[in-house]
Amino acid sequence: MFEGIVCFQRKGKKDKNDTVNDTVKEDEILRLIKISNKISARRIAKETEYSIATAKRYMAKPKEKGKLKRIGPDKGGYWEMRNAN
């Protein structure tokens, strides 16, 4: 009778493991950008096996912190790594 029903967990506060996982994902993306500063969000998603939306979300956090800046347009531009405190 309940076959095929998916149960969802309630969204609540993040626990410590979620924060650690977020940091690991950000670090992985920053590592790829460090290797190739012209890498696209699509390529990052492919390399990390994240969705494009997830890759963009984890790229946004270092941008907000001032660690990462996009120079130029989406096509032909590049990423600049910055030391932010």
C-alpha atoms as a PDB file:
ATOM      1  CA  MET A   1       0.000   0.000   0.000  1.00  0.00           C
ATOM      2  CA  PHE A   2       2.827   2.455   0.831  1.00  0.00           C
ATOM      3  CA  GLU A   3       5.189   1.175  -1.811  1.00  0.00           C
ATOM      4  CA  GLY A   4       7.098   3.936  -3.600  1.00  0.00           C
ATOM      5  CA  ILE A   5       6.437   6.568  -0.947  1.00  0.00           C
ATOM      6  CA  VAL A   6       9.478   8.633  -0.092  1.00  0.00           C
ATOM      7  CA  CYS A   7       9.902  10.044   3.392  1.00  0.00           C
ATOM      8  CA  PHE A   8      11.630  13.371   3.829  1.00  0.00           C
ATOM      9  CA  GLN A   9      13.485  14.543   6.888  1.00  0.00           C
ATOM     10  CA  ARG A  10      12.499  17.859   8.348  1.00  0.00           C
ATOM     11  CA  LYS A  11      14.958  20.601   7.692  1.00  0.00           C
ATOM     12  CA  GLY A  12      16.446  21.818  10.893  1.00  0.00           C
ATOM     13  CA  LYS A  13      19.634  23.288  12.154  1.00  0.00           C
ATOM     14  CA  LYS A  14      22.830  22.144  10.548  1.00  0.00           C
ATOM     15  CA  ASP A  15      24.930  19.887  12.661  1.00  0.00           C
ATOM     16  CA  LYS A  16      28.715  19.866  12.839  1.00  0.00           C
ATOM     17  CA  ASN A  17      29.051  17.241  10.084  1.00  0.00           C
ATOM     18  CA  ASP A  18      27.042  19.351   7.641  1.00  0.00           C
ATOM     19  CA  THR A  19      29.374  22.294   8.204  1.00  0.00           C
ATOM     20  CA  VAL A  20      32.436  20.085   7.740  1.00  0.00           C
ATOM     21  CA  ASN A  21      30.969  18.650   4.531  1.00  0.00           C
ATOM     22  CA  ASP A  22      30.267  22.164   3.234  1.00  0.00           C
ATOM     23  CA  THR A  23      33.873  23.161   3.905  1.00  0.00           C
ATOM     24  CA  VAL A  24      35.168  20.047   2.163  1.00  0.00           C
ATOM     25  CA  LYS A  25      33.014  20.805  -0.891  1.00  0.00           C
ATOM     26  CA  GLU A  26      34.185  24.416  -0.992  1.00  0.00           C
ATOM     27  CA  ASP A  27      37.811  23.306  -0.654  1.00  0.00           C
ATOM     28  CA  GLU A  28      37.382  20.788  -3.467  1.00  0.00           C
ATOM     29  CA  ILE A  29      35.980  23.472  -5.756  1.00  0.00           C
ATOM     30  CA  LEU A  30      38.732  25.939  -4.817  1.00  0.00           C
ATOM     31  CA  ARG A  31      41.343  23.246  -5.536  1.00  0.00           C
ATOM     32  CA  LEU A  32      39.919  22.764  -9.051  1.00  0.00           C
ATOM     33  CA  ILE A  33      39.918  26.530  -9.643  1.00  0.00           C
ATOM     34  CA  LYS A  34      43.521  26.713  -8.436  1.00  0.00           C
ATOM     35  CA  ILE A  35      44.490  24.045 -10.979  1.00  0.00           C
ATOM     36  CA  SER A  36      42.686  25.814 -13.833  1.00  0.00           C
ATOM     37  CA  ASN A  37      41.485  29.360 -13.238  1.00  0.00           C
ATOM     38  CA  LYS A  38      39.431  29.297 -16.461  1.00  0.00           C
ATOM     39  CA  ILE A  39      37.294  26.340 -15.348  1.00  0.00           C
ATOM     40  CA  SER A  40      33.527  26.677 -15.760  1.00  0.00           C
ATOM     41  CA  ALA A  41      30.800  25.838 -13.255  1.00  0.00           C
ATOM     42  CA  ARG A  42      29.674  23.098 -15.639  1.00  0.00           C
ATOM     43  CA  ARG A  43      33.167  21.549 -15.634  1.00  0.00           C
ATOM     44  CA  ILE A  44      33.398  21.831 -11.835  1.00  0.00           C
ATOM     45  CA  ALA A  45      30.048  20.043 -11.569  1.00  0.00           C
ATOM     46  CA  LYS A  46      31.295  17.291 -13.858  1.00  0.00           C
ATOM     47  CA  GLU A  47      34.603  16.861 -12.005  1.00  0.00           C
ATOM     48  CA  THR A  48      33.003  16.812  -8.551  1.00  0.00           C
ATOM     49  CA  GLU A  49      29.874  14.910  -9.617  1.00  0.00           C
ATOM     50  CA  TYR A  50      27.689  17.653  -8.110  1.00  0.00           C
ATOM     51  CA  SER A  51      24.787  19.220  -9.951  1.00  0.00           C
ATOM     52  CA  ILE A  52      25.526  22.542 -11.629  1.00  0.00           C
ATOM     53  CA  ALA A  53      23.294  24.272  -9.072  1.00  0.00           C
ATOM     54  CA  THR A  54      25.241  22.696  -6.193  1.00  0.00           C
ATOM     55  CA  ALA A  55      28.573  23.659  -7.748  1.00  0.00           C
ATOM     56  CA  LYS A  56      27.391  27.256  -8.179  1.00  0.00           C
ATOM     57  CA  ARG A  57      26.094  27.349  -4.597  1.00  0.00           C
ATOM     58  CA  TYR A  58      29.459  26.234  -3.224  1.00  0.00           C
ATOM     59  CA  MET A  59      31.280  28.671  -5.523  1.00  0.00           C
ATOM     60  CA  ALA A  60      29.136  31.521  -4.173  1.00  0.00           C
ATOM     61  CA  LYS A  61      30.312  31.095  -0.576  1.00  0.00           C
ATOM     62  CA  PRO A  62      34.020  31.833  -1.234  1.00  0.00           C
ATOM     63  CA  LYS A  63      32.929  34.724  -3.476  1.00  0.00           C
ATOM     64  CA  GLU A  64      30.907  36.194  -0.586  1.00  0.00           C
ATOM     65  CA  LYS A  65      33.902  35.790   1.745  1.00  0.00           C
ATOM     66  CA  GLY A  66      36.175  37.576  -0.745  1.00  0.00           C
ATOM     67  CA  LYS A  67      38.301  34.488  -1.399  1.00  0.00           C
ATOM     68  CA  LEU A  68      37.243  34.172  -5.020  1.00  0.00           C
ATOM     69  CA  LYS A  69      36.446  36.684  -7.736  1.00  0.00           C
ATOM     70  CA  ARG A  70      35.336  36.226 -11.322  1.00  0.00           C
ATOM     71  CA  ILE A  71      37.252  38.442 -13.761  1.00  0.00           C
ATOM     72  CA  GLY A  72      35.626  38.982 -17.132  1.00  0.00           C
ATOM     73  CA  PRO A  73      32.589  37.357 -18.724  1.00  0.00           C
ATOM     74  CA  ASP A  74      31.397  33.771 -18.324  1.00  0.00           C
ATOM     75  CA  LYS A  75      33.013  32.904 -21.640  1.00  0.00           C
ATOM     76  CA  GLY A  76      36.614  34.012 -21.794  1.00  0.00           C
ATOM     77  CA  GLY A  77      36.890  35.128 -18.163  1.00  0.00           C
ATOM     78  CA  TYR A  78      38.853  33.556 -15.328  1.00  0.00           C
ATOM     79  CA  TRP A  79      38.798  33.088 -11.565  1.00  0.00           C
ATOM     80  CA  GLU A  80      41.091  35.020  -9.252  1.00  0.00           C
ATOM     81  CA  MET A  81      41.966  33.502  -5.881  1.00  0.00           C
ATOM     82  CA  ARG A  82      42.348  36.022  -3.071  1.00  0.00           C
ATOM     83  CA  ASN A  83      43.534  35.839   0.505  1.00  0.00           C
ATOM     84  CA  ALA A  84      40.612  37.008   2.594  1.00  0.00           C
ATOM     85  CA  ASN A  85      40.677  37.263   6.362  1.00  0.00           C
END
